[in-house]
Amino acid sequence: MRVPSRSPGQPPGTPLASAAPTHRLPAEGAPQPTPPATPDLDAYRAAVMDLLVEVNALADAASTTARQVLLDERLREPAIAAVLEATPQGLVGARETLLLEMARYRPNPRSSAGNLTALVRIYLLSRIDVMWWRDAPAYRTDAQLHASPDLVDLEWLRRRDLLRFRYQEQPTTLLGRGVRAARRQLLPDARPRTAGLRFRRARREVVGLLNDIGREFARLTPPAAPPLWVTSLVRSTEYQYQLRRLGYAAMLPSAHCLGYAVDVELAWFERFGVRDTLADLLLARQRAGEVNVVDEGQAWHLCLSPAARPRFRRAYEAEMGA
């Protein structure tokens, strides 16, 4: 399994010392090295969808060996292998991790993976996130996440009416959990059925993206429709492991642990007749190269693309007057 090397870097102005021999520049007219080709994400997504049809046909327990043979063959197809090879684990590591996830899978009402096919879909499509942000450091602990200067406090922005989306925090006390349960009994459909945010913090460019989507969603829907609702944002790796122990389909590595992924509610908007509007909007953003989208049922997972990051960072700074 390949592990990407990450050096701590040099202080500004410090020359790099190396024992390696000095390389001469290639002579004029000499052939230049060809940069690695960017994987075709449309071809990757199409190949994954084709693979899912076959996985679904072999979803019973008696087909375990046949599923493994299928994955061994199909994951090596050029359209799929190009993306998996570009992740930190490489093709072999990604394959082994997927097989392990499938072996450990047990149906769980908490999990967004309602069946084995959904698990494979979530894992493979989320590898685009991992490929995009392969060199970004993860927030390993809750304390590291809380102390990060790269994240802003959503509550501070919300109180100043600077957010075009809604969220709710996880209750942290017994009283808070009781109030949440009572509210759900009295008004069961007033809010999405979600635990809420463990951390009310986000990267500035992610806030810019969500505000932009929120404004467009508001323009496309009737005045009575509620605004965009975010169910999950940045997580620490520590918390991601906790979610896995509780039975959630929390993949590792994950762009949530880098601060570039979010989950937005979809199913709840069906009662307002605007679910398809939001779904179409998100898929259009994917086609434009702004995000990667993973259908996880009740909520959809979005990951900001590196190419779109500068634009949404500038949008955030312009909107906040930074």
Protein backbone atom coordinates (compact mmCIF):
# COMPACT_ATOMS: atom_id res chain seq x y z
CA MET A 1 0.00 0.00 0.00
CA ARG A 2 1.48 3.35 -0.99
CA VAL A 3 1.78 6.10 1.57
CA PRO A 4 2.29 9.67 0.33
CA SER A 5 5.39 11.37 1.67
CA ARG A 6 4.83 14.66 3.43
CA SER A 7 7.84 16.73 4.42
CA PRO A 8 7.45 19.52 6.98
CA GLY A 9 8.83 22.09 4.56
CA GLN A 10 11.58 24.69 5.03
CA PRO A 11 11.39 28.07 6.73
CA PRO A 12 11.25 31.00 4.29
CA GLY A 13 14.66 31.83 2.95
CA THR A 14 16.28 28.56 4.03
CA PRO A 15 18.05 26.76 1.17
CA LEU A 16 17.22 23.13 0.58
CA ALA A 17 20.13 20.82 1.30
CA SER A 18 20.32 17.59 -0.66
CA ALA A 19 22.81 14.80 -1.11
CA ALA A 20 21.34 13.96 -4.51
CA PRO A 21 23.38 14.83 -7.60
CA THR A 22 22.57 18.04 -9.37
CA HIS A 23 20.33 17.55 -12.42
CA ARG A 24 21.04 19.57 -15.53
CA LEU A 25 18.20 21.23 -17.35
CA PRO A 26 17.20 19.32 -20.48
CA ALA A 27 18.78 20.59 -23.66
CA GLU A 28 16.73 22.88 -25.82
CA GLY A 29 14.46 20.84 -28.03
CA ALA A 30 14.76 17.72 -25.84
CA PRO A 31 11.47 15.94 -25.07
CA GLN A 32 9.83 17.23 -21.88
CA PRO A 33 8.30 14.89 -19.29
CA THR A 34 4.56 14.45 -19.75
CA PRO A 35 2.51 15.40 -16.65
CA PRO A 36 0.14 12.71 -15.39
CA ALA A 37 -3.24 12.86 -17.07
CA THR A 38 -6.17 14.13 -14.99
CA PRO A 39 -8.67 11.30 -14.48
CA ASP A 40 -11.93 11.61 -16.41
CA LEU A 41 -14.46 11.97 -13.59
CA ASP A 42 -17.50 11.58 -15.86
CA ALA A 43 -16.09 8.27 -17.11
CA TYR A 44 -15.30 7.24 -13.53
CA ARG A 45 -18.82 7.95 -12.29
CA ALA A 46 -20.34 6.12 -15.26
CA ALA A 47 -18.09 3.10 -14.68
CA VAL A 48 -19.02 3.06 -10.98
CA MET A 49 -22.73 3.11 -11.85
CA ASP A 50 -22.23 0.15 -14.21
CA LEU A 51 -20.31 -1.71 -11.51
CA LEU A 52 -23.11 -1.11 -8.98
CA VAL A 53 -25.60 -2.93 -11.22
CA GLU A 54 -23.39 -6.01 -11.10
CA VAL A 55 -22.72 -5.70 -7.37
CA ASN A 56 -26.45 -5.51 -6.72
CA ALA A 57 -26.97 -8.74 -8.65
CA LEU A 58 -24.42 -10.42 -6.35
CA ALA A 59 -25.58 -8.87 -3.07
CA ASP A 60 -26.57 -12.11 -1.31
CA ALA A 61 -24.27 -13.75 1.23
CA ALA A 62 -23.64 -16.76 -1.03
CA SER A 63 -22.04 -14.50 -3.66
CA THR A 64 -19.12 -13.23 -1.58
CA THR A 65 -16.46 -14.90 -3.72
CA ALA A 66 -18.13 -13.83 -6.95
CA ARG A 67 -18.27 -10.23 -5.70
CA GLN A 68 -14.57 -10.25 -4.91
CA VAL A 69 -13.73 -11.62 -8.38
CA LEU A 70 -15.96 -8.94 -9.92
CA LEU A 71 -14.26 -6.15 -7.97
CA ASP A 72 -10.80 -7.50 -8.77
CA GLU A 73 -11.63 -7.22 -12.47
CA ARG A 74 -13.66 -4.03 -12.59
CA LEU A 75 -11.55 -1.85 -10.30
CA ARG A 76 -8.64 -2.37 -12.71
CA GLU A 77 -10.57 -0.92 -15.64
CA PRO A 78 -8.82 2.28 -16.78
CA ALA A 79 -11.69 4.67 -15.93
CA ILE A 80 -11.84 3.44 -12.32
CA ALA A 81 -8.18 2.63 -11.79
CA ALA A 82 -7.12 6.15 -12.81
CA VAL A 83 -8.95 7.69 -9.85
CA LEU A 84 -8.12 5.03 -7.27
CA GLU A 85 -4.44 5.08 -8.23
CA ALA A 86 -4.41 8.85 -7.63
CA THR A 87 -5.58 8.47 -4.01
CA PRO A 88 -3.07 8.18 -1.14
CA GLN A 89 -3.79 4.44 -0.79
CA GLY A 90 -3.36 3.70 -4.47
CA LEU A 91 -5.43 1.14 -6.37
CA VAL A 92 -4.39 -1.85 -4.26
CA GLY A 93 -5.00 -0.09 -0.96
CA ALA A 94 -8.38 1.27 -2.08
CA ARG A 95 -9.44 -2.19 -3.24
CA GLU A 96 -8.41 -3.83 0.02
CA THR A 97 -10.17 -1.16 2.07
CA LEU A 98 -13.37 -1.59 0.07
CA LEU A 99 -13.31 -5.37 0.51
CA LEU A 100 -12.79 -4.91 4.24
CA GLU A 101 -15.68 -2.42 4.46
CA MET A 102 -17.90 -4.92 2.64
CA ALA A 103 -16.85 -7.78 4.92
CA ARG A 104 -17.62 -5.70 8.01
CA TYR A 105 -20.90 -4.31 6.70
CA ARG A 106 -24.02 -4.95 8.75
CA PRO A 107 -27.39 -3.29 8.02
CA ASN A 108 -27.95 -0.48 10.49
CA PRO A 109 -30.78 2.10 10.66
CA ARG A 110 -28.19 4.78 11.48
CA SER A 111 -26.15 4.15 8.36
CA SER A 112 -26.68 6.00 5.09
CA ALA A 113 -25.64 2.73 3.40
CA GLY A 114 -28.98 0.93 3.40
CA ASN A 115 -27.50 -2.10 1.65
CA LEU A 116 -24.22 -3.43 0.35
CA THR A 117 -24.63 -1.75 -3.03
CA ALA A 118 -25.11 1.63 -1.36
CA LEU A 119 -21.95 1.06 0.68
CA VAL A 120 -19.93 0.42 -2.49
CA ARG A 121 -21.42 3.50 -4.15
CA ILE A 122 -20.63 5.77 -1.20
CA TYR A 123 -17.10 4.45 -0.88
CA LEU A 124 -16.16 4.65 -4.56
CA LEU A 125 -17.71 8.05 -5.27
CA SER A 126 -16.14 9.55 -2.15
CA ARG A 127 -12.71 8.54 -3.47
CA ILE A 128 -12.96 11.55 -5.78
CA ASP A 129 -12.81 13.73 -2.64
CA VAL A 130 -9.78 11.82 -1.41
CA MET A 131 -8.02 12.15 -4.76
CA TRP A 132 -8.69 15.90 -4.88
CA TRP A 133 -7.42 16.62 -1.36
CA ARG A 134 -4.80 13.87 -1.03
CA ASP A 135 -2.15 16.23 0.37
CA ALA A 136 -4.37 18.16 2.80
CA PRO A 137 -3.78 17.41 6.52
CA ALA A 138 -6.69 16.02 8.53
CA TYR A 139 -7.98 17.35 11.82
CA ARG A 140 -6.94 14.41 13.97
CA THR A 141 -8.57 15.41 17.28
CA ASP A 142 -11.50 17.51 18.44
CA ALA A 143 -9.07 19.84 20.21
CA GLN A 144 -7.07 20.39 17.02
CA LEU A 145 -10.27 21.18 15.13
CA HIS A 146 -11.47 23.70 17.74
CA ALA A 147 -8.08 25.46 17.74
CA SER A 148 -7.71 25.73 13.95
CA PRO A 149 -7.48 29.32 12.61
CA ASP A 150 -8.68 28.05 9.21
CA LEU A 151 -12.21 27.50 10.56
CA VAL A 152 -14.81 30.15 11.42
CA ASP A 153 -17.62 30.02 13.98
CA LEU A 154 -20.98 29.59 12.24
CA GLU A 155 -22.94 30.88 15.20
CA TRP A 156 -21.11 34.20 15.06
CA LEU A 157 -22.07 34.49 11.39
CA ARG A 158 -25.65 33.32 11.93
CA ARG A 159 -26.34 35.95 14.58
CA ARG A 160 -25.28 38.62 12.10
CA ASP A 161 -27.55 37.19 9.37
CA LEU A 162 -24.56 36.27 7.19
CA LEU A 163 -25.59 32.68 6.43
CA ARG A 164 -27.92 31.61 3.63
CA PHE A 165 -28.44 28.14 5.10
CA ARG A 166 -29.64 26.64 8.36
CA TYR A 167 -28.31 24.04 10.76
CA GLN A 168 -28.87 22.79 14.28
CA GLU A 169 -26.30 21.76 16.85
CA GLN A 170 -26.21 18.46 18.68
CA PRO A 171 -27.54 18.87 22.23
CA THR A 172 -24.75 18.32 24.75
CA THR A 173 -26.79 17.96 27.94
CA LEU A 174 -29.57 15.67 29.15
CA LEU A 175 -31.92 18.66 29.29
CA GLY A 176 -31.05 19.62 25.74
CA ARG A 177 -31.72 16.10 24.47
CA GLY A 178 -35.07 16.10 26.30
CA VAL A 179 -36.09 19.40 24.73
CA ARG A 180 -35.11 18.08 21.28
CA ALA A 181 -37.18 14.90 21.79
CA ALA A 182 -40.21 16.88 22.99
CA ARG A 183 -40.00 19.22 20.00
CA ARG A 184 -39.93 16.26 17.62
CA GLN A 185 -43.04 14.81 19.23
CA LEU A 186 -44.96 18.09 19.04
CA LEU A 187 -43.70 19.16 15.60
CA PRO A 188 -42.34 16.00 13.94
CA ASP A 189 -41.78 17.54 10.50
CA ALA A 190 -40.76 21.06 11.45
CA ARG A 191 -37.06 20.22 11.03
CA PRO A 192 -35.07 17.44 9.38
CA ARG A 193 -34.56 14.35 11.51
CA THR A 194 -30.84 14.72 12.09
CA ALA A 195 -28.61 14.70 15.13
CA GLY A 196 -27.18 18.06 14.10
CA LEU A 197 -23.67 19.47 13.98
CA ARG A 198 -21.10 18.25 16.46
CA PHE A 199 -18.86 21.18 15.49
CA ARG A 200 -20.38 24.47 14.36
CA ARG A 201 -17.22 25.46 12.49
CA ALA A 202 -16.38 25.53 8.79
CA ARG A 203 -13.77 26.65 6.29
CA ARG A 204 -14.40 30.09 4.83
CA GLU A 205 -14.55 28.78 1.26
CA VAL A 206 -17.12 26.15 2.30
CA VAL A 207 -19.29 28.88 3.84
CA GLY A 208 -18.95 30.76 0.54
CA LEU A 209 -20.06 27.67 -1.39
CA LEU A 210 -23.05 26.99 0.88
CA ASN A 211 -24.16 30.61 0.81
CA ASP A 212 -24.00 30.58 -2.99
CA ILE A 213 -26.03 27.36 -3.21
CA GLY A 214 -28.46 28.68 -0.60
CA ARG A 215 -29.12 31.86 -2.55
CA GLU A 216 -29.70 29.96 -5.80
CA PHE A 217 -31.99 27.47 -4.05
CA ALA A 218 -34.04 30.34 -2.60
CA ARG A 219 -34.40 31.90 -6.08
CA LEU A 220 -35.64 28.62 -7.57
CA THR A 221 -38.21 27.75 -4.89
CA PRO A 222 -41.47 29.29 -3.65
CA PRO A 223 -41.28 31.76 -0.73
CA ALA A 224 -42.86 29.20 1.62
CA ALA A 225 -40.08 26.65 1.03
CA PRO A 226 -37.45 26.47 3.79
CA PRO A 227 -33.82 27.39 3.05
CA LEU A 228 -30.94 25.01 2.46
CA TRP A 229 -30.30 22.81 5.51
CA VAL A 230 -26.82 21.53 6.41
CA THR A 231 -26.64 18.35 8.52
CA SER A 232 -22.87 17.82 8.82
CA LEU A 233 -19.69 19.79 8.26
CA VAL A 234 -16.12 19.39 9.45
CA ARG A 235 -15.27 16.42 11.68
CA SER A 236 -12.14 15.26 13.44
CA THR A 237 -10.71 11.84 12.63
CA GLU A 238 -11.33 11.06 16.30
CA TYR A 239 -15.06 11.74 15.82
CA GLN A 240 -15.13 9.87 12.50
CA TYR A 241 -13.98 6.72 14.28
CA GLN A 242 -16.67 7.25 16.89
CA LEU A 243 -19.33 7.45 14.16
CA ARG A 244 -18.01 4.21 12.68
CA ARG A 245 -18.34 2.47 16.05
CA LEU A 246 -21.95 3.66 16.24
CA GLY A 247 -22.72 2.06 12.86
CA TYR A 248 -22.64 5.05 10.53
CA ALA A 249 -21.12 4.75 7.04
CA ALA A 250 -18.27 7.11 7.96
CA MET A 251 -15.50 6.40 5.46
CA LEU A 252 -11.79 6.87 6.02
CA PRO A 253 -10.00 8.80 4.78
CA SER A 254 -12.77 11.42 4.51
CA ALA A 255 -12.92 14.99 3.23
CA HIS A 256 -15.07 15.78 6.28
CA CYS A 257 -11.89 15.42 8.34
CA LEU A 258 -10.18 17.96 6.08
CA GLY A 259 -12.98 20.52 6.31
CA TYR A 260 -13.91 20.38 2.61
CA ALA A 261 -17.02 18.15 2.78
CA VAL A 262 -20.57 18.85 3.93
CA ASP A 263 -23.85 16.95 4.05
CA VAL A 264 -27.08 18.69 3.05
CA GLU A 265 -30.62 17.51 3.71
CA LEU A 266 -32.60 16.22 0.72
CA ALA A 267 -35.43 13.94 1.88
CA TRP A 268 -37.11 16.54 4.13
CA PHE A 269 -37.65 18.88 1.17
CA GLU A 270 -39.96 16.32 -0.47
CA ARG A 271 -42.84 17.52 1.73
CA PHE A 272 -42.38 21.02 0.29
CA GLY A 273 -42.19 19.78 -3.32
CA VAL A 274 -38.67 21.12 -3.87
CA ARG A 275 -36.45 18.06 -3.33
CA ASP A 276 -35.88 17.55 -7.05
CA THR A 277 -35.09 21.24 -7.45
CA LEU A 278 -32.29 20.95 -4.91
CA ALA A 279 -31.04 17.67 -6.39
CA ASP A 280 -30.88 19.18 -9.88
CA LEU A 281 -29.08 22.25 -8.53
CA LEU A 282 -26.43 20.13 -6.80
CA LEU A 283 -25.88 17.91 -9.84
CA ALA A 284 -25.49 21.02 -12.01
CA ARG A 285 -22.80 22.23 -9.63
CA GLN A 286 -21.07 18.88 -10.03
CA ARG A 287 -21.18 19.15 -13.83
CA ALA A 288 -19.64 22.61 -13.49
CA GLY A 289 -16.73 21.08 -11.58
CA GLU A 290 -17.45 22.90 -8.31
CA VAL A 291 -18.28 19.88 -6.16
CA ASN A 292 -18.36 16.12 -5.98
CA VAL A 293 -21.83 14.80 -5.09
CA VAL A 294 -22.61 11.50 -3.37
CA ASP A 295 -26.25 10.48 -2.94
CA GLU A 296 -26.50 9.13 0.61
CA GLY A 297 -30.29 8.93 0.75
CA GLN A 298 -31.71 11.35 3.29
CA ALA A 299 -28.74 13.67 2.90
CA TRP A 300 -26.34 14.24 0.02
CA HIS A 301 -22.62 14.55 0.54
CA LEU A 302 -20.82 17.44 -1.18
CA CYS A 303 -17.09 18.04 -1.44
CA LEU A 304 -15.67 21.33 -2.68
CA SER A 305 -13.24 20.89 -5.58
CA PRO A 306 -9.73 22.39 -5.40
CA ALA A 307 -10.40 24.23 -8.68
CA ALA A 308 -13.41 26.04 -7.18
CA ARG A 309 -11.82 26.77 -3.82
CA PRO A 310 -10.22 30.17 -4.71
CA ARG A 311 -13.47 31.54 -6.15
CA PHE A 312 -15.54 30.66 -3.10
CA ARG A 313 -12.85 31.95 -0.77
CA ARG A 314 -12.98 35.28 -2.59
CA ALA A 315 -16.79 35.20 -2.46
CA TYR A 316 -16.69 34.68 1.31
CA GLU A 317 -14.23 37.53 1.82
CA ALA A 318 -16.25 39.89 -0.37
CA GLU A 319 -19.51 39.01 1.37
CA MET A 320 -18.08 39.30 4.87
CA GLY A 321 -16.10 42.43 4.08
CA ALA A 322 -12.84 40.68 4.97
